[in-house]
């Protein structure tokens, strides 16, 4: 009988040892998975920051060249918009005001490139994503300026420019366009 008890003790010890190994493997597997996720997030952040720099470089090139400005502004806008897609699932990694500024630059560059359809789509996305507005140094509102520019041909009373918080430059340019479209 001693041999039977001895076999049972060995089997129990073996089962306990194997189950302990599974617990260690599960914990180790979870740690490895967490580390992999951290590396992916870090890589996405690095890619985002490099992407933003590329978009801003094209913006700078566009502002310094007259002959290719439209295509460069369009390229900059597309790059900046695509950058946000890199971190959309982990948007907490980037300061919200920085994301807003980059999205706003993308919209402005689509407008400068004459791509009003994409500017409208991105502006709608901006409004759905952010519950805030950006304010320019002159005190004017980013959303009011963009709404006015995108709707300047409609019969909307916003086009009277007086009650909107647009920059002087936008009001002046839209009044000029309105004047010359009537003549």
C-alpha atoms as a PDB file:
ATOM      1  CA  UNK A   1       0.000   0.000   0.000  1.00  0.00           C
ATOM      2  CA  UNK A   2       2.847   2.307   0.542  1.00  0.00           C
ATOM      3  CA  UNK A   3       3.728   2.144  -3.136  1.00  0.00           C
ATOM      4  CA  UNK A   4       0.162   3.188  -4.098  1.00  0.00           C
ATOM      5  CA  UNK A   5       0.287   6.155  -1.712  1.00  0.00           C
ATOM      6  CA  UNK A   6       3.711   7.039  -3.009  1.00  0.00           C
ATOM      7  CA  UNK A   7       2.375   7.017  -6.626  1.00  0.00           C
ATOM      8  CA  UNK A   8      -0.587   9.187  -5.621  1.00  0.00           C
ATOM      9  CA  UNK A   9       1.722  11.694  -3.939  1.00  0.00           C
ATOM     10  CA  UNK A  10       3.923  11.829  -7.049  1.00  0.00           C
ATOM     11  CA  UNK A  11       0.887  12.330  -9.309  1.00  0.00           C
ATOM     12  CA  UNK A  12      -0.507  15.078  -7.028  1.00  0.00           C
ATOM     13  CA  UNK A  13       2.887  16.794  -6.866  1.00  0.00           C
ATOM     14  CA  UNK A  14       3.240  16.594 -10.677  1.00  0.00           C
ATOM     15  CA  UNK A  15      -0.258  18.056 -11.215  1.00  0.00           C
ATOM     16  CA  UNK A  16       0.413  20.875  -8.775  1.00  0.00           C
ATOM     17  CA  UNK A  17       3.725  21.659 -10.447  1.00  0.00           C
ATOM     18  CA  UNK A  18       2.182  21.661 -13.929  1.00  0.00           C
ATOM     19  CA  UNK A  19      -0.705  23.888 -12.872  1.00  0.00           C
ATOM     20  CA  UNK A  20       1.748  26.326 -11.323  1.00  0.00           C
ATOM     21  CA  UNK A  21       3.613  26.439 -14.613  1.00  0.00           C
ATOM     22  CA  UNK A  22       0.408  27.422 -16.422  1.00  0.00           C
ATOM     23  CA  UNK A  23      -0.159  30.302 -14.019  1.00  0.00           C
ATOM     24  CA  UNK A  24       3.356  31.534 -14.637  1.00  0.00           C
ATOM     25  CA  UNK A  25       2.876  31.121 -18.376  1.00  0.00           C
ATOM     26  CA  UNK A  26      -0.419  33.064 -18.292  1.00  0.00           C
ATOM     27  CA  UNK A  27       1.179  35.911 -16.322  1.00  0.00           C
ATOM     28  CA  UNK A  28       4.190  35.948 -18.584  1.00  0.00           C
ATOM     29  CA  UNK A  29       1.956  35.881 -21.646  1.00  0.00           C
ATOM     30  CA  UNK A  30      -0.038  38.848 -20.324  1.00  0.00           C
ATOM     31  CA  UNK A  31       3.177  40.780 -19.641  1.00  0.00           C
ATOM     32  CA  UNK A  32       4.461  40.028 -23.123  1.00  0.00           C
ATOM     33  CA  UNK A  33       1.162  41.140 -24.669  1.00  0.00           C
ATOM     34  CA  UNK A  34       1.223  44.363 -22.626  1.00  0.00           C
ATOM     35  CA  UNK A  35       4.794  45.035 -23.727  1.00  0.00           C
ATOM     36  CA  UNK A  36       3.853  44.442 -27.385  1.00  0.00           C
ATOM     37  CA  UNK A  37       0.926  46.872 -27.056  1.00  0.00           C
ATOM     38  CA  UNK A  38       3.188  49.476 -25.422  1.00  0.00           C
ATOM     39  CA  UNK A  39       5.668  49.152 -28.294  1.00  0.00           C
ATOM     40  CA  UNK A  40       2.878  49.524 -30.874  1.00  0.00           C
ATOM     41  CA  UNK A  41       1.574  52.651 -29.135  1.00  0.00           C
ATOM     42  CA  UNK A  42       5.102  54.082 -28.915  1.00  0.00           C
ATOM     43  CA  UNK A  43       5.676  53.392 -32.617  1.00  0.00           C
ATOM     44  CA  UNK A  44       2.332  55.013 -33.515  1.00  0.00           C
ATOM     45  CA  UNK A  45       3.248  58.083 -31.476  1.00  0.00           C
ATOM     46  CA  UNK A  46       6.653  58.335 -33.153  1.00  0.00           C
ATOM     47  CA  UNK A  47       5.040  57.864 -36.594  1.00  0.00           C
ATOM     48  CA  UNK A  48       2.446  60.533 -35.761  1.00  0.00           C
ATOM     49  CA  UNK A  49       5.067  63.089 -34.751  1.00  0.00           C
ATOM     50  CA  UNK A  50       7.161  62.404 -37.872  1.00  0.00           C
ATOM     51  CA  UNK A  51       4.024  62.606 -40.011  1.00  0.00           C
ATOM     52  CA  UNK A  52       3.068  65.998 -38.542  1.00  0.00           C
ATOM     53  CA  UNK A  53       6.565  67.314 -39.263  1.00  0.00           C
ATOM     54  CA  UNK A  54       6.253  66.157 -42.894  1.00  0.00           C
ATOM     55  CA  UNK A  55       2.879  67.883 -43.233  1.00  0.00           C
ATOM     56  CA  UNK A  56       4.256  71.107 -41.799  1.00  0.00           C
ATOM     57  CA  UNK A  57       7.257  70.962 -44.146  1.00  0.00           C
ATOM     58  CA  UNK A  58       4.926  70.809 -47.143  1.00  0.00           C
ATOM     59  CA  UNK A  59       2.917  73.693 -45.656  1.00  0.00           C
ATOM     60  CA  UNK A  60       6.104  75.751 -45.387  1.00  0.00           C
ATOM     61  CA  UNK A  61       7.091  74.871 -48.968  1.00  0.00           C
ATOM     62  CA  UNK A  62       3.644  75.839 -50.213  1.00  0.00           C
ATOM     63  CA  UNK A  63       3.786  79.210 -48.483  1.00  0.00           C
ATOM     64  CA  UNK A  64       7.155  79.964 -50.058  1.00  0.00           C
ATOM     65  CA  UNK A  65       6.332  78.916 -53.641  1.00  0.00           C
ATOM     66  CA  UNK A  66       3.781  80.479 -55.939  1.00  0.00           C
ATOM     67  CA  UNK A  67       3.933  78.094 -58.873  1.00  0.00           C
ATOM     68  CA  UNK A  68       3.233  74.823 -57.044  1.00  0.00           C
ATOM     69  CA  UNK A  69       1.417  76.184 -54.000  1.00  0.00           C
ATOM     70  CA  UNK A  70      -1.967  74.566 -54.674  1.00  0.00           C
ATOM     71  CA  UNK A  71      -0.601  71.041 -55.002  1.00  0.00           C
ATOM     72  CA  UNK A  72       1.742  71.518 -52.038  1.00  0.00           C
ATOM     73  CA  UNK A  73      -1.070  72.817 -49.827  1.00  0.00           C
ATOM     74  CA  UNK A  74      -3.208  69.864 -50.899  1.00  0.00           C
ATOM     75  CA  UNK A  75      -0.355  67.433 -50.125  1.00  0.00           C
ATOM     76  CA  UNK A  76       0.230  69.041 -46.729  1.00  0.00           C
ATOM     77  CA  UNK A  77      -3.489  68.878 -45.899  1.00  0.00           C
ATOM     78  CA  UNK A  78      -3.733  65.203 -46.834  1.00  0.00           C
ATOM     79  CA  UNK A  79      -0.638  64.290 -44.824  1.00  0.00           C
ATOM     80  CA  UNK A  80      -1.877  66.179 -41.751  1.00  0.00           C
ATOM     81  CA  UNK A  81      -5.307  64.557 -41.987  1.00  0.00           C
ATOM     82  CA  UNK A  82      -3.804  61.086 -42.386  1.00  0.00           C
ATOM     83  CA  UNK A  83      -1.540  61.656 -39.375  1.00  0.00           C
ATOM     84  CA  UNK A  84      -4.550  61.847 -37.095  1.00  0.00           C
ATOM     85  CA  UNK A  85      -5.682  58.439 -38.313  1.00  0.00           C
ATOM     86  CA  UNK A  86      -2.471  56.960 -36.881  1.00  0.00           C
ATOM     87  CA  UNK A  87      -3.445  57.811 -33.311  1.00  0.00           C
ATOM     88  CA  UNK A  88      -7.232  58.019 -33.512  1.00  0.00           C
ATOM     89  CA  UNK A  89      -7.656  54.895 -31.339  1.00  0.00           C
ATOM     90  CA  UNK A  90      -5.163  56.246 -28.774  1.00  0.00           C
ATOM     91  CA  UNK A  91      -5.853  59.954 -29.096  1.00  0.00           C
ATOM     92  CA  UNK A  92      -5.110  60.476 -25.402  1.00  0.00           C
ATOM     93  CA  UNK A  93      -1.392  60.311 -26.304  1.00  0.00           C
ATOM     94  CA  UNK A  94      -1.491  63.737 -27.972  1.00  0.00           C
ATOM     95  CA  UNK A  95      -2.589  66.967 -26.330  1.00  0.00           C
ATOM     96  CA  UNK A  96      -6.067  67.802 -27.635  1.00  0.00           C
ATOM     97  CA  UNK A  97      -5.173  71.388 -28.515  1.00  0.00           C
ATOM     98  CA  UNK A  98      -2.234  70.147 -30.624  1.00  0.00           C
ATOM     99  CA  UNK A  99      -4.501  67.702 -32.448  1.00  0.00           C
ATOM    100  CA  UNK A 100      -6.988  70.526 -33.028  1.00  0.00           C
ATOM    101  CA  UNK A 101      -4.290  72.822 -34.426  1.00  0.00           C
ATOM    102  CA  UNK A 102      -3.030  70.109 -36.779  1.00  0.00           C
ATOM    103  CA  UNK A 103      -6.567  69.327 -37.950  1.00  0.00           C
ATOM    104  CA  UNK A 104      -7.246  73.047 -38.436  1.00  0.00           C
ATOM    105  CA  UNK A 105      -4.069  73.436 -40.497  1.00  0.00           C
ATOM    106  CA  UNK A 106      -5.205  70.539 -42.651  1.00  0.00           C
ATOM    107  CA  UNK A 107      -8.588  72.198 -43.258  1.00  0.00           C
ATOM    108  CA  UNK A 108      -7.001  75.589 -43.988  1.00  0.00           C
ATOM    109  CA  UNK A 109      -4.585  74.001 -46.450  1.00  0.00           C
ATOM    110  CA  UNK A 110      -7.411  72.230 -48.293  1.00  0.00           C
ATOM    111  CA  UNK A 111      -9.119  75.624 -48.578  1.00  0.00           C
ATOM    112  CA  UNK A 112      -5.909  77.258 -49.837  1.00  0.00           C
ATOM    113  CA  UNK A 113      -5.557  74.441 -52.386  1.00  0.00           C
ATOM    114  CA  UNK A 114      -9.120  75.064 -53.567  1.00  0.00           C
ATOM    115  CA  UNK A 115     -10.298  71.614 -52.429  1.00  0.00           C
ATOM    116  CA  UNK A 116     -13.493  72.805 -50.721  1.00  0.00           C
ATOM    117  CA  UNK A 117     -15.150  69.389 -50.750  1.00  0.00           C
ATOM    118  CA  UNK A 118     -12.374  67.779 -48.712  1.00  0.00           C
ATOM    119  CA  UNK A 119     -12.163  70.878 -46.519  1.00  0.00           C
ATOM    120  CA  UNK A 120     -15.891  70.520 -45.766  1.00  0.00           C
ATOM    121  CA  UNK A 121     -15.536  66.828 -44.972  1.00  0.00           C
ATOM    122  CA  UNK A 122     -12.566  67.438 -42.685  1.00  0.00           C
ATOM    123  CA  UNK A 123     -14.321  70.377 -41.047  1.00  0.00           C
ATOM    124  CA  UNK A 124     -17.339  68.186 -40.300  1.00  0.00           C
ATOM    125  CA  UNK A 125     -14.980  65.593 -38.818  1.00  0.00           C
ATOM    126  CA  UNK A 126     -13.300  68.366 -36.776  1.00  0.00           C
ATOM    127  CA  UNK A 127     -16.625  69.440 -35.320  1.00  0.00           C
ATOM    128  CA  UNK A 128     -17.626  65.847 -34.541  1.00  0.00           C
ATOM    129  CA  UNK A 129     -14.275  65.053 -32.902  1.00  0.00           C
ATOM    130  CA  UNK A 130     -13.657  68.217 -30.891  1.00  0.00           C
ATOM    131  CA  UNK A 131     -16.172  69.981 -28.723  1.00  0.00           C
ATOM    132  CA  UNK A 132     -14.122  73.190 -28.712  1.00  0.00           C
ATOM    133  CA  UNK A 133     -13.086  75.998 -31.003  1.00  0.00           C
ATOM    134  CA  UNK A 134      -9.702  77.478 -31.765  1.00  0.00           C
ATOM    135  CA  UNK A 135      -9.213  81.203 -31.426  1.00  0.00           C
ATOM    136  CA  UNK A 136      -6.711  83.051 -33.611  1.00  0.00           C
ATOM    137  CA  UNK A 137      -4.398  85.733 -32.214  1.00  0.00           C
ATOM    138  CA  UNK A 138      -6.720  88.434 -33.538  1.00  0.00           C
ATOM    139  CA  UNK A 139      -9.578  86.944 -31.468  1.00  0.00           C
ATOM    140  CA  UNK A 140     -11.477  85.490 -34.409  1.00  0.00           C
ATOM    141  CA  UNK A 141     -12.964  82.027 -34.340  1.00  0.00           C
ATOM    142  CA  UNK A 142     -11.562  79.186 -36.442  1.00  0.00           C
ATOM    143  CA  UNK A 143     -14.979  77.559 -36.857  1.00  0.00           C
ATOM    144  CA  UNK A 144     -16.685  80.839 -37.798  1.00  0.00           C
ATOM    145  CA  UNK A 145     -13.980  81.632 -40.362  1.00  0.00           C
ATOM    146  CA  UNK A 146     -14.214  78.193 -41.953  1.00  0.00           C
ATOM    147  CA  UNK A 147     -18.025  78.155 -41.945  1.00  0.00           C
ATOM    148  CA  UNK A 148     -18.070  81.560 -43.623  1.00  0.00           C
ATOM    149  CA  UNK A 149     -15.522  80.565 -46.251  1.00  0.00           C
ATOM    150  CA  UNK A 150     -17.188  77.251 -47.038  1.00  0.00           C
ATOM    151  CA  UNK A 151     -20.663  78.838 -47.221  1.00  0.00           C
ATOM    152  CA  UNK A 152     -19.745  82.098 -48.948  1.00  0.00           C
ATOM    153  CA  UNK A 153     -21.794  81.357 -52.083  1.00  0.00           C
ATOM    154  CA  UNK A 154     -24.968  80.304 -50.291  1.00  0.00           C
ATOM    155  CA  UNK A 155     -27.894  82.616 -49.646  1.00  0.00           C
ATOM    156  CA  UNK A 156     -27.288  82.134 -45.943  1.00  0.00           C
ATOM    157  CA  UNK A 157     -27.540  85.322 -43.851  1.00  0.00           C
ATOM    158  CA  UNK A 158     -24.159  84.433 -42.342  1.00  0.00           C
ATOM    159  CA  UNK A 159     -22.718  85.902 -45.509  1.00  0.00           C
ATOM    160  CA  UNK A 160     -23.515  89.380 -44.327  1.00  0.00           C
ATOM    161  CA  UNK A 161     -20.319  88.995 -42.251  1.00  0.00           C
ATOM    162  CA  UNK A 162     -21.318  91.446 -39.533  1.00  0.00           C
ATOM    163  CA  UNK A 163     -22.444  89.033 -36.829  1.00  0.00           C
ATOM    164  CA  UNK A 164     -19.806  86.370 -37.304  1.00  0.00           C
ATOM    165  CA  UNK A 165     -16.503  86.206 -35.475  1.00  0.00           C
ATOM    166  CA  UNK A 166     -14.325  86.216 -38.594  1.00  0.00           C
ATOM    167  CA  UNK A 167     -10.914  87.707 -38.952  1.00  0.00           C
ATOM    168  CA  UNK A 168     -10.663  91.042 -40.749  1.00  0.00           C
ATOM    169  CA  UNK A 169      -8.784  89.372 -43.576  1.00  0.00           C
ATOM    170  CA  UNK A 170     -11.562  86.825 -44.150  1.00  0.00           C
ATOM    171  CA  UNK A 171     -14.302  89.496 -43.949  1.00  0.00           C
ATOM    172  CA  UNK A 172     -12.402  91.752 -46.315  1.00  0.00           C
ATOM    173  CA  UNK A 173     -11.721  89.013 -48.840  1.00  0.00           C
ATOM    174  CA  UNK A 174     -15.307  87.742 -48.801  1.00  0.00           C
ATOM    175  CA  UNK A 175     -16.696  91.264 -49.172  1.00  0.00           C
ATOM    176  CA  UNK A 176     -14.368  91.763 -52.140  1.00  0.00           C
ATOM    177  CA  UNK A 177     -15.475  88.467 -53.699  1.00  0.00           C
ATOM    178  CA  UNK A 178     -19.118  89.341 -53.055  1.00  0.00           C
ATOM    179  CA  UNK A 179     -18.697  92.789 -54.629  1.00  0.00           C
ATOM    180  CA  UNK A 180     -17.022  91.485 -57.781  1.00  0.00           C
ATOM    181  CA  UNK A 181     -19.472  88.599 -58.195  1.00  0.00           C
ATOM    182  CA  UNK A 182     -22.324  91.157 -58.489  1.00  0.00           C
ATOM    183  CA  UNK A 183     -20.589  93.265 -61.144  1.00  0.00           C
END
